[in-house]
N, C-alpha and C. Protein backbone atom coordinates (compact mmCIF):
# COMPACT_ATOMS: atom_id res chain seq x y z
N MET A 1 -62.83 34.26 -10.19
CA MET A 1 -62.85 33.60 -11.48
C MET A 1 -61.61 32.74 -11.68
N ASP A 2 -60.46 33.23 -11.27
CA ASP A 2 -59.22 32.48 -11.45
C ASP A 2 -59.25 31.16 -10.68
N SER A 3 -59.84 31.18 -9.50
CA SER A 3 -59.95 29.94 -8.72
C SER A 3 -60.86 28.94 -9.43
N GLY A 4 -61.93 29.43 -10.03
CA GLY A 4 -62.84 28.56 -10.79
C GLY A 4 -62.16 27.95 -12.00
N LEU A 5 -61.37 28.76 -12.70
CA LEU A 5 -60.64 28.24 -13.86
C LEU A 5 -59.60 27.19 -13.44
N LEU A 6 -58.94 27.43 -12.32
CA LEU A 6 -57.99 26.44 -11.81
C LEU A 6 -58.71 25.12 -11.51
N LEU A 7 -59.81 25.20 -10.80
CA LEU A 7 -60.56 23.99 -10.48
C LEU A 7 -61.03 23.27 -11.75
N PHE A 8 -61.53 24.03 -12.71
CA PHE A 8 -62.00 23.46 -13.97
C PHE A 8 -60.86 22.78 -14.72
N ARG A 9 -59.71 23.47 -14.80
CA ARG A 9 -58.55 22.88 -15.48
C ARG A 9 -58.10 21.60 -14.80
N LEU A 10 -58.07 21.60 -13.46
CA LEU A 10 -57.65 20.41 -12.72
C LEU A 10 -58.61 19.25 -12.96
N LEU A 11 -59.89 19.52 -12.90
CA LEU A 11 -60.88 18.48 -13.12
C LEU A 11 -60.78 17.89 -14.52
N ILE A 12 -60.85 18.74 -15.51
CA ILE A 12 -60.82 18.26 -16.90
C ILE A 12 -59.46 17.66 -17.22
N GLY A 13 -58.39 18.32 -16.81
CA GLY A 13 -57.05 17.84 -17.12
C GLY A 13 -56.76 16.49 -16.51
N LEU A 14 -57.08 16.31 -15.23
CA LEU A 14 -56.80 15.02 -14.58
C LEU A 14 -57.65 13.90 -15.16
N LEU A 15 -58.90 14.20 -15.48
CA LEU A 15 -59.73 13.18 -16.12
C LEU A 15 -59.18 12.80 -17.49
N LEU A 16 -58.67 13.78 -18.24
CA LEU A 16 -58.08 13.47 -19.54
C LEU A 16 -56.80 12.66 -19.41
N VAL A 17 -56.00 12.93 -18.38
CA VAL A 17 -54.81 12.10 -18.14
C VAL A 17 -55.25 10.66 -17.91
N GLY A 18 -56.29 10.46 -17.11
CA GLY A 18 -56.80 9.11 -16.90
C GLY A 18 -57.36 8.49 -18.16
N HIS A 19 -58.07 9.28 -18.95
CA HIS A 19 -58.66 8.80 -20.21
C HIS A 19 -57.55 8.34 -21.17
N GLY A 20 -56.50 9.14 -21.27
CA GLY A 20 -55.37 8.76 -22.12
C GLY A 20 -54.64 7.54 -21.58
N SER A 21 -54.55 7.42 -20.25
CA SER A 21 -53.89 6.27 -19.63
C SER A 21 -54.64 4.97 -19.91
N GLN A 22 -55.94 5.06 -20.08
CA GLN A 22 -56.70 3.87 -20.47
C GLN A 22 -56.19 3.33 -21.81
N LYS A 23 -55.94 4.22 -22.75
CA LYS A 23 -55.47 3.82 -24.07
C LYS A 23 -54.00 3.40 -24.03
N LEU A 24 -53.19 4.11 -23.29
CA LEU A 24 -51.76 3.86 -23.29
C LEU A 24 -51.37 2.62 -22.48
N PHE A 25 -51.96 2.48 -21.30
CA PHE A 25 -51.50 1.46 -20.35
C PHE A 25 -52.57 0.46 -19.94
N GLY A 26 -53.79 0.63 -20.40
CA GLY A 26 -54.88 -0.23 -19.95
C GLY A 26 -55.35 0.12 -18.55
N SER A 27 -54.97 1.29 -18.06
CA SER A 27 -55.38 1.73 -16.72
C SER A 27 -56.90 1.92 -16.66
N PHE A 28 -57.43 1.81 -15.46
CA PHE A 28 -58.85 2.11 -15.19
C PHE A 28 -59.79 1.33 -16.11
N GLY A 29 -59.42 0.11 -16.43
CA GLY A 29 -60.27 -0.74 -17.25
C GLY A 29 -60.17 -0.49 -18.75
N GLY A 30 -59.19 0.28 -19.16
CA GLY A 30 -59.02 0.58 -20.58
C GLY A 30 -58.42 -0.58 -21.36
N GLY A 31 -58.42 -0.43 -22.65
CA GLY A 31 -57.94 -1.50 -23.54
C GLY A 31 -56.45 -1.51 -23.79
N GLY A 32 -55.73 -0.49 -23.32
CA GLY A 32 -54.32 -0.40 -23.64
C GLY A 32 -54.13 -0.17 -25.13
N ILE A 33 -52.89 -0.17 -25.55
CA ILE A 33 -52.58 0.07 -26.97
C ILE A 33 -53.19 -1.03 -27.84
N ALA A 34 -53.05 -2.30 -27.43
CA ALA A 34 -53.54 -3.41 -28.25
C ALA A 34 -55.06 -3.37 -28.41
N GLY A 35 -55.78 -3.26 -27.29
CA GLY A 35 -57.24 -3.26 -27.36
C GLY A 35 -57.79 -2.03 -28.06
N THR A 36 -57.24 -0.88 -27.74
CA THR A 36 -57.69 0.35 -28.38
C THR A 36 -57.34 0.33 -29.86
N GLY A 37 -56.14 -0.17 -30.17
CA GLY A 37 -55.73 -0.28 -31.57
C GLY A 37 -56.66 -1.17 -32.38
N ALA A 38 -57.08 -2.28 -31.80
CA ALA A 38 -58.01 -3.19 -32.49
C ALA A 38 -59.34 -2.49 -32.76
N PHE A 39 -59.84 -1.75 -31.76
CA PHE A 39 -61.08 -1.00 -31.96
C PHE A 39 -60.89 0.05 -33.05
N PHE A 40 -59.77 0.77 -33.00
CA PHE A 40 -59.51 1.79 -34.00
C PHE A 40 -59.48 1.21 -35.41
N GLU A 41 -58.87 0.05 -35.57
CA GLU A 41 -58.84 -0.62 -36.88
C GLU A 41 -60.25 -0.85 -37.41
N LYS A 42 -61.14 -1.31 -36.54
CA LYS A 42 -62.51 -1.62 -36.94
C LYS A 42 -63.26 -0.40 -37.44
N VAL A 43 -62.98 0.76 -36.87
CA VAL A 43 -63.72 1.97 -37.26
C VAL A 43 -62.95 2.82 -38.26
N GLY A 44 -61.85 2.29 -38.81
CA GLY A 44 -61.17 2.95 -39.90
C GLY A 44 -59.94 3.76 -39.54
N PHE A 45 -59.58 3.80 -38.26
CA PHE A 45 -58.39 4.56 -37.87
C PHE A 45 -57.18 3.64 -37.98
N ARG A 46 -56.48 3.76 -39.10
CA ARG A 46 -55.39 2.84 -39.40
C ARG A 46 -54.09 3.59 -39.62
N PRO A 47 -53.01 2.95 -39.25
CA PRO A 47 -52.91 1.68 -38.52
C PRO A 47 -53.34 1.87 -37.06
N GLY A 48 -54.07 0.91 -36.55
CA GLY A 48 -54.75 1.02 -35.27
C GLY A 48 -53.85 1.28 -34.08
N ARG A 49 -52.78 0.50 -33.95
CA ARG A 49 -51.92 0.66 -32.77
C ARG A 49 -51.23 2.03 -32.74
N PRO A 50 -50.64 2.49 -33.84
CA PRO A 50 -50.06 3.85 -33.80
C PRO A 50 -51.11 4.94 -33.56
N MET A 51 -52.31 4.74 -34.10
CA MET A 51 -53.37 5.73 -33.87
C MET A 51 -53.79 5.72 -32.39
N ALA A 52 -53.80 4.54 -31.77
CA ALA A 52 -54.11 4.45 -30.35
C ALA A 52 -53.04 5.15 -29.53
N LEU A 53 -51.79 4.99 -29.92
CA LEU A 53 -50.69 5.66 -29.23
C LEU A 53 -50.84 7.18 -29.35
N VAL A 54 -51.12 7.66 -30.54
CA VAL A 54 -51.29 9.11 -30.74
C VAL A 54 -52.47 9.63 -29.93
N ALA A 55 -53.59 8.91 -29.96
CA ALA A 55 -54.77 9.36 -29.20
C ALA A 55 -54.48 9.37 -27.70
N GLY A 56 -53.85 8.32 -27.21
CA GLY A 56 -53.53 8.25 -25.78
C GLY A 56 -52.56 9.33 -25.35
N LEU A 57 -51.52 9.54 -26.14
CA LEU A 57 -50.55 10.59 -25.81
C LEU A 57 -51.18 11.97 -25.89
N THR A 58 -52.04 12.18 -26.87
CA THR A 58 -52.70 13.48 -27.00
C THR A 58 -53.61 13.75 -25.81
N GLU A 59 -54.41 12.75 -25.43
CA GLU A 59 -55.31 12.94 -24.29
C GLU A 59 -54.54 13.14 -22.99
N ALA A 60 -53.59 12.25 -22.72
CA ALA A 60 -52.83 12.36 -21.46
C ALA A 60 -51.96 13.62 -21.46
N GLY A 61 -51.32 13.90 -22.58
CA GLY A 61 -50.44 15.08 -22.65
C GLY A 61 -51.20 16.38 -22.56
N SER A 62 -52.29 16.50 -23.30
CA SER A 62 -53.06 17.74 -23.23
C SER A 62 -53.69 17.89 -21.85
N GLY A 63 -54.09 16.78 -21.25
CA GLY A 63 -54.62 16.84 -19.89
C GLY A 63 -53.60 17.36 -18.91
N LEU A 64 -52.38 16.85 -19.00
CA LEU A 64 -51.30 17.31 -18.12
C LEU A 64 -51.02 18.80 -18.33
N PHE A 65 -50.99 19.22 -19.57
CA PHE A 65 -50.74 20.63 -19.85
C PHE A 65 -51.88 21.51 -19.33
N LEU A 66 -53.12 21.01 -19.40
CA LEU A 66 -54.24 21.77 -18.82
C LEU A 66 -54.09 21.88 -17.30
N VAL A 67 -53.70 20.80 -16.66
CA VAL A 67 -53.47 20.84 -15.21
C VAL A 67 -52.45 21.92 -14.87
N LEU A 68 -51.38 21.98 -15.64
CA LEU A 68 -50.32 22.95 -15.39
C LEU A 68 -50.68 24.35 -15.87
N GLY A 69 -51.67 24.45 -16.75
CA GLY A 69 -51.99 25.74 -17.35
C GLY A 69 -50.87 26.19 -18.27
N LEU A 70 -50.32 25.25 -19.00
CA LEU A 70 -49.19 25.52 -19.90
C LEU A 70 -49.63 25.29 -21.34
N LEU A 71 -49.41 26.29 -22.18
CA LEU A 71 -49.85 26.22 -23.58
C LEU A 71 -51.32 25.82 -23.63
N THR A 72 -52.09 26.47 -22.81
CA THR A 72 -53.48 26.08 -22.59
C THR A 72 -54.30 26.08 -23.86
N ARG A 73 -54.17 27.10 -24.66
CA ARG A 73 -55.00 27.18 -25.87
C ARG A 73 -54.61 26.10 -26.88
N LEU A 74 -53.33 25.82 -27.01
CA LEU A 74 -52.89 24.73 -27.89
C LEU A 74 -53.36 23.38 -27.34
N SER A 75 -53.27 23.21 -26.03
CA SER A 75 -53.76 21.98 -25.40
C SER A 75 -55.26 21.83 -25.61
N ALA A 76 -55.98 22.93 -25.51
CA ALA A 76 -57.43 22.89 -25.75
C ALA A 76 -57.73 22.48 -27.19
N ALA A 77 -56.94 22.95 -28.14
CA ALA A 77 -57.12 22.54 -29.54
C ALA A 77 -56.94 21.03 -29.68
N ALA A 78 -55.94 20.48 -29.00
CA ALA A 78 -55.71 19.03 -29.04
C ALA A 78 -56.89 18.27 -28.45
N VAL A 79 -57.43 18.77 -27.35
CA VAL A 79 -58.59 18.14 -26.73
C VAL A 79 -59.77 18.17 -27.69
N ILE A 80 -60.03 19.30 -28.29
CA ILE A 80 -61.16 19.46 -29.20
C ILE A 80 -61.04 18.49 -30.37
N GLY A 81 -59.87 18.46 -31.00
CA GLY A 81 -59.68 17.58 -32.16
C GLY A 81 -59.81 16.11 -31.80
N THR A 82 -59.17 15.70 -30.72
CA THR A 82 -59.21 14.30 -30.32
C THR A 82 -60.61 13.87 -29.92
N LEU A 83 -61.32 14.72 -29.20
CA LEU A 83 -62.65 14.35 -28.74
C LEU A 83 -63.70 14.48 -29.84
N LEU A 84 -63.45 15.30 -30.85
CA LEU A 84 -64.32 15.30 -32.03
C LEU A 84 -64.23 13.94 -32.71
N VAL A 85 -63.03 13.44 -32.87
CA VAL A 85 -62.83 12.14 -33.50
C VAL A 85 -63.49 11.04 -32.65
N ALA A 86 -63.25 11.08 -31.35
CA ALA A 86 -63.85 10.09 -30.47
C ALA A 86 -65.37 10.14 -30.54
N GLY A 87 -65.93 11.33 -30.51
CA GLY A 87 -67.39 11.47 -30.59
C GLY A 87 -67.94 10.92 -31.88
N TRP A 88 -67.22 11.11 -32.96
CA TRP A 88 -67.66 10.61 -34.27
C TRP A 88 -67.83 9.09 -34.24
N THR A 89 -66.98 8.39 -33.50
CA THR A 89 -67.08 6.93 -33.46
C THR A 89 -68.35 6.46 -32.75
N PHE A 90 -68.97 7.33 -31.95
CA PHE A 90 -70.17 6.95 -31.21
C PHE A 90 -71.44 7.64 -31.71
N VAL A 91 -71.35 8.41 -32.76
CA VAL A 91 -72.47 9.25 -33.18
C VAL A 91 -73.71 8.43 -33.55
N GLU A 92 -73.53 7.24 -34.09
CA GLU A 92 -74.68 6.41 -34.49
C GLU A 92 -75.49 5.95 -33.28
N LYS A 93 -74.90 5.99 -32.09
CA LYS A 93 -75.61 5.55 -30.88
C LYS A 93 -76.35 6.70 -30.22
N GLY A 94 -76.27 7.88 -30.79
CA GLY A 94 -76.98 9.03 -30.23
C GLY A 94 -76.16 9.77 -29.19
N LEU A 95 -76.80 10.70 -28.54
CA LEU A 95 -76.11 11.59 -27.60
C LEU A 95 -75.76 10.92 -26.28
N TRP A 96 -76.70 10.23 -25.67
CA TRP A 96 -76.57 9.86 -24.26
C TRP A 96 -75.60 8.71 -24.01
N ALA A 97 -74.76 8.88 -23.01
CA ALA A 97 -73.70 7.92 -22.69
C ALA A 97 -74.26 6.57 -22.28
N GLN A 98 -75.38 6.51 -21.59
CA GLN A 98 -75.89 5.22 -21.15
C GLN A 98 -76.30 4.33 -22.32
N LYS A 99 -76.42 4.91 -23.49
CA LYS A 99 -76.71 4.13 -24.70
C LYS A 99 -75.47 4.03 -25.58
N GLY A 100 -74.31 4.37 -25.01
CA GLY A 100 -73.07 4.29 -25.77
C GLY A 100 -72.81 5.49 -26.65
N GLY A 101 -73.48 6.60 -26.39
CA GLY A 101 -73.39 7.78 -27.24
C GLY A 101 -72.19 8.66 -26.96
N TYR A 102 -72.21 9.82 -27.57
CA TYR A 102 -71.05 10.73 -27.58
C TYR A 102 -71.11 11.82 -26.52
N GLU A 103 -71.97 11.68 -25.54
CA GLU A 103 -72.16 12.70 -24.50
C GLU A 103 -70.84 13.10 -23.83
N LEU A 104 -70.06 12.13 -23.39
CA LEU A 104 -68.80 12.42 -22.70
C LEU A 104 -67.82 13.14 -23.63
N CYS A 105 -67.75 12.71 -24.87
CA CYS A 105 -66.86 13.36 -25.84
C CYS A 105 -67.26 14.82 -26.05
N LEU A 106 -68.56 15.06 -26.13
CA LEU A 106 -69.05 16.42 -26.29
C LEU A 106 -68.71 17.27 -25.07
N LEU A 107 -68.82 16.68 -23.90
CA LEU A 107 -68.50 17.40 -22.67
C LEU A 107 -67.01 17.77 -22.62
N TYR A 108 -66.13 16.81 -22.90
CA TYR A 108 -64.69 17.10 -22.92
C TYR A 108 -64.34 18.14 -24.01
N GLY A 109 -64.90 17.94 -25.20
CA GLY A 109 -64.63 18.89 -26.28
C GLY A 109 -65.13 20.28 -25.95
N GLY A 110 -66.31 20.36 -25.34
CA GLY A 110 -66.85 21.65 -24.91
C GLY A 110 -65.98 22.29 -23.85
N ALA A 111 -65.47 21.48 -22.94
CA ALA A 111 -64.55 22.00 -21.92
C ALA A 111 -63.29 22.56 -22.57
N GLY A 112 -62.80 21.88 -23.58
CA GLY A 112 -61.65 22.39 -24.32
C GLY A 112 -61.95 23.74 -24.96
N ALA A 113 -63.15 23.86 -25.54
CA ALA A 113 -63.53 25.13 -26.17
C ALA A 113 -63.64 26.25 -25.14
N VAL A 114 -64.20 25.94 -23.97
CA VAL A 114 -64.30 26.95 -22.91
C VAL A 114 -62.91 27.43 -22.52
N LEU A 115 -61.98 26.50 -22.31
CA LEU A 115 -60.62 26.89 -21.91
C LEU A 115 -59.88 27.61 -23.03
N ALA A 116 -60.18 27.25 -24.28
CA ALA A 116 -59.57 27.97 -25.40
C ALA A 116 -60.00 29.43 -25.39
N LEU A 117 -61.26 29.68 -25.09
CA LEU A 117 -61.78 31.05 -25.11
C LEU A 117 -61.41 31.84 -23.86
N THR A 118 -61.43 31.20 -22.69
CA THR A 118 -61.16 31.94 -21.46
C THR A 118 -59.68 32.04 -21.14
N GLY A 119 -58.91 31.07 -21.60
CA GLY A 119 -57.52 30.97 -21.16
C GLY A 119 -57.47 30.29 -19.80
N PRO A 120 -56.28 30.11 -19.27
CA PRO A 120 -56.11 29.30 -18.06
C PRO A 120 -56.36 30.03 -16.76
N GLY A 121 -56.40 31.35 -16.77
CA GLY A 121 -56.53 32.12 -15.54
C GLY A 121 -55.16 32.45 -14.95
N ALA A 122 -55.18 33.16 -13.84
CA ALA A 122 -53.95 33.67 -13.23
C ALA A 122 -53.10 32.57 -12.60
N TYR A 123 -53.74 31.50 -12.15
CA TYR A 123 -53.01 30.42 -11.48
C TYR A 123 -52.57 29.38 -12.49
N SER A 124 -51.64 29.76 -13.35
CA SER A 124 -51.19 28.90 -14.43
C SER A 124 -49.76 29.25 -14.82
N LEU A 125 -49.11 28.31 -15.46
CA LEU A 125 -47.77 28.60 -15.98
C LEU A 125 -47.84 29.57 -17.15
N ASP A 126 -48.92 29.54 -17.92
CA ASP A 126 -49.07 30.53 -18.98
C ASP A 126 -49.01 31.95 -18.41
N ALA A 127 -49.70 32.19 -17.29
CA ALA A 127 -49.71 33.51 -16.67
C ALA A 127 -48.31 33.87 -16.16
N VAL A 128 -47.64 32.92 -15.54
CA VAL A 128 -46.29 33.16 -15.03
C VAL A 128 -45.33 33.51 -16.17
N LEU A 129 -45.49 32.80 -17.29
CA LEU A 129 -44.60 33.02 -18.44
C LEU A 129 -45.08 34.14 -19.35
N GLY A 130 -46.28 34.66 -19.10
CA GLY A 130 -46.81 35.74 -19.93
C GLY A 130 -47.19 35.30 -21.34
N ILE A 131 -47.68 34.07 -21.49
CA ILE A 131 -47.99 33.54 -22.82
C ILE A 131 -49.47 33.17 -22.97
N GLY A 132 -50.34 33.79 -22.21
CA GLY A 132 -51.75 33.43 -22.24
C GLY A 132 -52.45 33.69 -23.55
N GLY A 133 -52.18 34.79 -24.21
CA GLY A 133 -52.83 35.12 -25.47
C GLY A 133 -54.20 35.72 -25.27
N SER A 134 -54.93 35.83 -26.36
CA SER A 134 -56.23 36.50 -26.36
C SER A 134 -57.35 35.53 -26.71
N ALA A 135 -58.56 36.02 -26.60
CA ALA A 135 -59.72 35.22 -27.01
C ALA A 135 -59.67 34.91 -28.50
N TRP A 136 -59.04 35.79 -29.28
CA TRP A 136 -58.90 35.50 -30.72
C TRP A 136 -58.04 34.27 -30.93
N LEU A 137 -57.00 34.11 -30.12
CA LEU A 137 -56.21 32.88 -30.17
C LEU A 137 -57.07 31.69 -29.78
N GLY A 138 -57.97 31.90 -28.85
CA GLY A 138 -58.89 30.85 -28.45
C GLY A 138 -59.78 30.40 -29.60
N ALA A 139 -60.31 31.37 -30.33
CA ALA A 139 -61.13 31.03 -31.50
C ALA A 139 -60.30 30.28 -32.53
N GLY A 140 -59.06 30.69 -32.70
CA GLY A 140 -58.17 29.97 -33.61
C GLY A 140 -57.89 28.56 -33.13
N ALA A 141 -57.75 28.39 -31.82
CA ALA A 141 -57.52 27.05 -31.25
C ALA A 141 -58.73 26.16 -31.50
N ILE A 142 -59.92 26.70 -31.35
CA ILE A 142 -61.12 25.92 -31.63
C ILE A 142 -61.14 25.50 -33.10
N ALA A 143 -60.86 26.44 -33.99
CA ALA A 143 -60.84 26.13 -35.42
C ALA A 143 -59.78 25.07 -35.73
N LEU A 144 -58.60 25.20 -35.14
CA LEU A 144 -57.54 24.21 -35.34
C LEU A 144 -57.97 22.83 -34.86
N GLY A 145 -58.57 22.77 -33.68
CA GLY A 145 -59.03 21.50 -33.15
C GLY A 145 -60.08 20.85 -34.05
N LEU A 146 -61.05 21.63 -34.49
CA LEU A 146 -62.09 21.10 -35.37
C LEU A 146 -61.52 20.64 -36.70
N ALA A 147 -60.60 21.42 -37.26
CA ALA A 147 -60.00 21.05 -38.55
C ALA A 147 -59.16 19.78 -38.43
N SER A 148 -58.36 19.68 -37.38
CA SER A 148 -57.52 18.49 -37.24
C SER A 148 -58.38 17.24 -37.02
N GLY A 149 -59.43 17.37 -36.24
CA GLY A 149 -60.34 16.23 -36.05
C GLY A 149 -61.02 15.85 -37.34
N ALA A 150 -61.44 16.83 -38.12
CA ALA A 150 -62.11 16.56 -39.39
C ALA A 150 -61.20 15.80 -40.36
N VAL A 151 -59.92 16.12 -40.36
CA VAL A 151 -58.97 15.42 -41.23
C VAL A 151 -58.88 13.94 -40.84
N VAL A 152 -58.77 13.67 -39.56
CA VAL A 152 -58.67 12.28 -39.09
C VAL A 152 -59.96 11.52 -39.40
N ILE A 153 -61.10 12.16 -39.19
CA ILE A 153 -62.37 11.52 -39.51
C ILE A 153 -62.47 11.22 -41.00
N ALA A 154 -62.06 12.17 -41.85
CA ALA A 154 -62.11 11.96 -43.30
C ALA A 154 -61.25 10.76 -43.71
N ARG A 155 -60.09 10.60 -43.09
CA ARG A 155 -59.24 9.42 -43.37
C ARG A 155 -59.97 8.14 -43.00
N ALA A 156 -60.63 8.13 -41.86
CA ALA A 156 -61.34 6.93 -41.41
C ALA A 156 -62.52 6.62 -42.34
N VAL A 157 -63.23 7.63 -42.77
CA VAL A 157 -64.36 7.42 -43.68
C VAL A 157 -63.87 6.82 -44.99
N ARG A 158 -62.77 7.35 -45.52
CA ARG A 158 -62.21 6.79 -46.75
C ARG A 158 -61.80 5.34 -46.56
N ALA A 159 -61.20 5.02 -45.43
CA ALA A 159 -60.76 3.66 -45.16
C ALA A 159 -61.96 2.71 -45.08
N THR A 160 -63.01 3.10 -44.40
CA THR A 160 -64.17 2.21 -44.29
C THR A 160 -64.91 2.09 -45.62
N GLN A 161 -64.94 3.16 -46.40
CA GLN A 161 -65.55 3.08 -47.73
C GLN A 161 -64.75 2.14 -48.64
N SER A 162 -63.44 2.22 -48.53
CA SER A 162 -62.58 1.33 -49.30
C SER A 162 -62.80 -0.13 -48.90
N ASP A 163 -62.94 -0.37 -47.61
CA ASP A 163 -63.22 -1.73 -47.12
C ASP A 163 -64.54 -2.25 -47.68
N ALA A 164 -65.55 -1.39 -47.65
CA ALA A 164 -66.87 -1.78 -48.15
C ALA A 164 -66.82 -2.08 -49.65
N ALA A 165 -66.07 -1.27 -50.39
CA ALA A 165 -65.95 -1.49 -51.83
C ALA A 165 -65.24 -2.82 -52.12
N ARG A 166 -64.20 -3.12 -51.35
CA ARG A 166 -63.48 -4.39 -51.54
C ARG A 166 -64.36 -5.59 -51.19
N ALA A 167 -65.23 -5.41 -50.22
CA ALA A 167 -66.11 -6.50 -49.79
C ALA A 167 -67.35 -6.61 -50.68
N GLY A 168 -67.52 -5.65 -51.60
CA GLY A 168 -68.67 -5.67 -52.48
C GLY A 168 -69.96 -5.25 -51.83
N VAL A 169 -69.83 -4.44 -50.76
CA VAL A 169 -71.03 -3.99 -50.05
C VAL A 169 -71.56 -2.72 -50.69
């Protein structure tokens, strides 16, 4: 089981580092801070550039921490919150990624929830440092991730409603 958790953490963590690098540096065809920030502005995440920086740092940082197995449950909470927000931006397109939907966000967020509940396994810095915690901490991490994502979404909804009211829509 520990080998499986290590492989899972490496896969999800490294992909999240890449995902965050798209936002931060424009790596792998990403928009960088400017492009991501412009998109964020359109969907109500304001100010766009700082929100892009936060999203990129959260994705890349939590991914790195998952790779290391360090503060795994807190990192999982960050993944859950960030990917809940990301999924919300695509919800109108439905589930499936080929139609621009939230499938990938759900997969990453679900992976975060799995790691929050299971912990990082024996091959992790959490295990070396004795800070793994319990499944109850995992449930708390899931709740924290969902709550933090909900706050960011609520801000974006208010911003877009305000825009619509100003435009007379």
